[in-house]
Amino acid sequence: MEIKPEGYTYYEQSGQAFCFIGLRTIPGSNEMRFGTVFLRNFYIGLDYVEQLIMVGVNNGSTIRARASILG
């Protein structure tokens, strides 16, 4: 999955000189937590029967993010 910086950063106030990253590590693991900054660009589909997690790009977000299958 490819995400441009605009897909996971945000400004708290318009015009400020720095931005915040909308990702967090989960303590004690090598996993990341994606919040609302990520979800404004992507949607997640869960298939419990097949044990799959599917990711898609929201309409209008293709300038900030791309989803592709690797492997």
N, C-alpha and C. Protein backbone atom coordinates (compact mmCIF):
# COMPACT_ATOMS: atom_id res chain seq x y z
N MET A 1 0.85 -1.17 0.00
CA MET A 1 0.00 0.00 0.00
C MET A 1 0.89 1.23 0.00
N GLU A 2 0.55 2.18 -0.79
CA GLU A 2 1.30 3.43 -0.86
C GLU A 2 0.42 4.55 -0.37
N ILE A 3 0.94 5.36 0.56
CA ILE A 3 0.20 6.52 1.07
C ILE A 3 1.13 7.72 0.98
N LYS A 4 0.71 8.74 0.28
CA LYS A 4 1.49 9.98 0.21
C LYS A 4 1.39 10.68 1.57
N PRO A 5 2.35 11.54 1.92
CA PRO A 5 2.32 12.21 3.22
C PRO A 5 1.00 12.93 3.53
N GLU A 6 0.32 13.44 2.51
CA GLU A 6 -0.95 14.12 2.74
C GLU A 6 -2.03 13.15 3.23
N GLY A 7 -1.79 11.84 3.07
CA GLY A 7 -2.75 10.84 3.49
C GLY A 7 -2.66 10.45 4.95
N TYR A 8 -1.58 10.84 5.65
CA TYR A 8 -1.46 10.49 7.06
C TYR A 8 -0.98 11.65 7.94
N THR A 9 -0.93 12.85 7.40
CA THR A 9 -0.57 14.02 8.21
C THR A 9 -1.73 15.00 8.24
N TYR A 10 -1.74 15.86 9.23
CA TYR A 10 -2.80 16.85 9.34
C TYR A 10 -2.30 18.07 10.11
N TYR A 11 -2.99 19.16 9.95
CA TYR A 11 -2.72 20.40 10.68
C TYR A 11 -3.85 20.61 11.67
N GLU A 12 -3.50 20.99 12.91
CA GLU A 12 -4.55 21.28 13.90
C GLU A 12 -5.21 22.61 13.62
N GLN A 13 -4.44 23.57 13.13
CA GLN A 13 -4.97 24.89 12.79
C GLN A 13 -4.44 25.27 11.42
N SER A 14 -5.29 25.88 10.63
CA SER A 14 -4.81 26.27 9.30
C SER A 14 -3.72 27.33 9.41
N GLY A 15 -2.74 27.23 8.56
CA GLY A 15 -1.67 28.21 8.52
C GLY A 15 -0.52 27.95 9.48
N GLN A 16 -0.59 26.89 10.30
CA GLN A 16 0.53 26.64 11.21
C GLN A 16 1.70 26.06 10.44
N ALA A 17 2.89 26.18 10.99
CA ALA A 17 4.11 25.83 10.27
C ALA A 17 4.50 24.35 10.39
N PHE A 18 3.76 23.54 11.12
CA PHE A 18 4.10 22.13 11.27
C PHE A 18 2.84 21.28 11.24
N CYS A 19 3.02 19.99 11.00
CA CYS A 19 1.88 19.09 10.92
C CYS A 19 2.07 17.93 11.88
N PHE A 20 1.03 17.14 12.07
CA PHE A 20 1.05 15.99 12.95
C PHE A 20 0.91 14.72 12.12
N ILE A 21 1.53 13.65 12.57
CA ILE A 21 1.41 12.36 11.91
C ILE A 21 0.26 11.60 12.55
N GLY A 22 -0.65 11.07 11.73
CA GLY A 22 -1.84 10.38 12.23
C GLY A 22 -1.66 8.89 12.41
N LEU A 23 -0.45 8.42 12.70
CA LEU A 23 -0.18 7.00 12.95
C LEU A 23 0.47 6.87 14.31
N ARG A 24 0.22 5.76 14.99
CA ARG A 24 0.85 5.48 16.28
C ARG A 24 1.30 4.03 16.35
N THR A 25 2.40 3.82 17.03
CA THR A 25 2.81 2.44 17.27
C THR A 25 2.00 1.89 18.44
N ILE A 26 1.79 0.59 18.44
CA ILE A 26 1.12 -0.07 19.55
C ILE A 26 2.21 -0.56 20.48
N PRO A 27 2.23 -0.08 21.74
CA PRO A 27 3.30 -0.46 22.67
C PRO A 27 3.44 -1.98 22.81
N GLY A 28 4.67 -2.46 22.79
CA GLY A 28 4.94 -3.87 22.97
C GLY A 28 4.75 -4.72 21.73
N SER A 29 4.55 -4.09 20.57
CA SER A 29 4.41 -4.86 19.33
C SER A 29 5.05 -4.08 18.18
N ASN A 30 5.10 -4.70 17.02
CA ASN A 30 5.63 -4.01 15.84
C ASN A 30 4.50 -3.58 14.92
N GLU A 31 3.32 -3.34 15.47
CA GLU A 31 2.15 -2.96 14.71
C GLU A 31 1.87 -1.46 14.84
N MET A 32 1.12 -0.94 13.87
CA MET A 32 0.76 0.47 13.85
C MET A 32 -0.74 0.62 14.01
N ARG A 33 -1.17 1.71 14.60
CA ARG A 33 -2.59 2.04 14.75
C ARG A 33 -2.90 3.20 13.82
N PHE A 34 -3.86 2.99 12.93
CA PHE A 34 -4.29 4.02 12.00
C PHE A 34 -5.57 4.64 12.52
N GLY A 35 -5.65 5.95 12.56
CA GLY A 35 -6.83 6.63 13.09
C GLY A 35 -7.66 7.29 12.02
N THR A 36 -8.35 8.35 12.40
CA THR A 36 -9.27 9.02 11.49
C THR A 36 -8.57 9.66 10.31
N VAL A 37 -7.31 10.05 10.46
CA VAL A 37 -6.56 10.63 9.35
C VAL A 37 -6.41 9.59 8.24
N PHE A 38 -6.15 8.34 8.62
CA PHE A 38 -6.07 7.25 7.65
C PHE A 38 -7.45 6.96 7.06
N LEU A 39 -8.46 6.91 7.90
CA LEU A 39 -9.80 6.53 7.45
C LEU A 39 -10.45 7.56 6.54
N ARG A 40 -9.98 8.79 6.54
CA ARG A 40 -10.56 9.76 5.60
C ARG A 40 -10.15 9.44 4.16
N ASN A 41 -9.10 8.63 3.99
CA ASN A 41 -8.61 8.25 2.66
C ASN A 41 -8.92 6.81 2.27
N PHE A 42 -9.10 5.93 3.24
CA PHE A 42 -9.29 4.51 2.97
C PHE A 42 -10.52 3.99 3.68
N TYR A 43 -11.01 2.86 3.20
CA TYR A 43 -12.04 2.11 3.93
C TYR A 43 -11.53 0.69 4.12
N ILE A 44 -12.01 0.05 5.15
CA ILE A 44 -11.56 -1.29 5.52
C ILE A 44 -12.74 -2.24 5.43
N GLY A 45 -12.53 -3.40 4.84
CA GLY A 45 -13.53 -4.46 4.80
C GLY A 45 -12.99 -5.68 5.54
N LEU A 46 -13.79 -6.26 6.43
CA LEU A 46 -13.37 -7.43 7.20
C LEU A 46 -14.23 -8.62 6.80
N ASP A 47 -13.59 -9.72 6.43
CA ASP A 47 -14.27 -10.96 6.10
C ASP A 47 -13.85 -11.99 7.14
N TYR A 48 -14.71 -12.19 8.14
CA TYR A 48 -14.37 -13.09 9.23
C TYR A 48 -14.34 -14.55 8.79
N VAL A 49 -15.19 -14.93 7.86
CA VAL A 49 -15.25 -16.32 7.39
C VAL A 49 -13.95 -16.70 6.69
N GLU A 50 -13.47 -15.83 5.78
CA GLU A 50 -12.24 -16.10 5.03
C GLU A 50 -10.99 -15.57 5.73
N GLN A 51 -11.17 -14.89 6.85
CA GLN A 51 -10.07 -14.28 7.62
C GLN A 51 -9.25 -13.33 6.75
N LEU A 52 -9.95 -12.39 6.12
CA LEU A 52 -9.31 -11.41 5.24
C LEU A 52 -9.57 -9.99 5.73
N ILE A 53 -8.61 -9.12 5.50
CA ILE A 53 -8.76 -7.68 5.70
C ILE A 53 -8.54 -7.04 4.34
N MET A 54 -9.53 -6.28 3.86
CA MET A 54 -9.44 -5.64 2.56
C MET A 54 -9.38 -4.13 2.74
N VAL A 55 -8.57 -3.47 1.95
CA VAL A 55 -8.39 -2.02 2.02
C VAL A 55 -8.73 -1.43 0.66
N GLY A 56 -9.51 -0.36 0.66
CA GLY A 56 -9.83 0.35 -0.58
C GLY A 56 -9.66 1.84 -0.39
N VAL A 57 -9.51 2.55 -1.49
CA VAL A 57 -9.33 4.00 -1.45
C VAL A 57 -10.70 4.67 -1.56
N ASN A 58 -10.98 5.62 -0.67
CA ASN A 58 -12.23 6.35 -0.71
C ASN A 58 -12.31 7.22 -1.97
N ASN A 59 -13.52 7.47 -2.45
CA ASN A 59 -13.71 8.36 -3.59
C ASN A 59 -13.11 9.73 -3.29
N GLY A 60 -12.40 10.29 -4.23
CA GLY A 60 -11.81 11.61 -4.05
C GLY A 60 -10.47 11.61 -3.34
N SER A 61 -9.99 10.44 -2.92
CA SER A 61 -8.72 10.38 -2.19
C SER A 61 -7.56 9.86 -3.03
N THR A 62 -7.79 9.62 -4.30
CA THR A 62 -6.73 9.03 -5.13
C THR A 62 -5.54 9.97 -5.34
N ILE A 63 -5.71 11.27 -5.10
CA ILE A 63 -4.56 12.17 -5.21
C ILE A 63 -3.64 12.05 -4.00
N ARG A 64 -4.16 11.54 -2.87
CA ARG A 64 -3.36 11.41 -1.65
C ARG A 64 -2.93 9.98 -1.38
N ALA A 65 -3.63 8.99 -1.91
CA ALA A 65 -3.34 7.60 -1.52
C ALA A 65 -3.61 6.66 -2.69
N ARG A 66 -2.97 5.52 -2.62
CA ARG A 66 -3.15 4.45 -3.60
C ARG A 66 -3.12 3.13 -2.86
N ALA A 67 -3.90 2.17 -3.30
CA ALA A 67 -3.86 0.83 -2.72
C ALA A 67 -3.55 -0.16 -3.83
N SER A 68 -2.58 -1.02 -3.60
CA SER A 68 -2.26 -2.04 -4.59
C SER A 68 -1.87 -3.31 -3.85
N ILE A 69 -2.00 -4.45 -4.53
CA ILE A 69 -1.66 -5.74 -3.94
C ILE A 69 -0.21 -6.07 -4.28
N LEU A 70 0.56 -6.40 -3.27
CA LEU A 70 1.96 -6.80 -3.46
C LEU A 70 2.09 -8.26 -3.06
N GLY A 71 2.82 -9.04 -3.85
CA GLY A 71 3.06 -10.42 -3.46
C GLY A 71 2.38 -11.41 -4.37
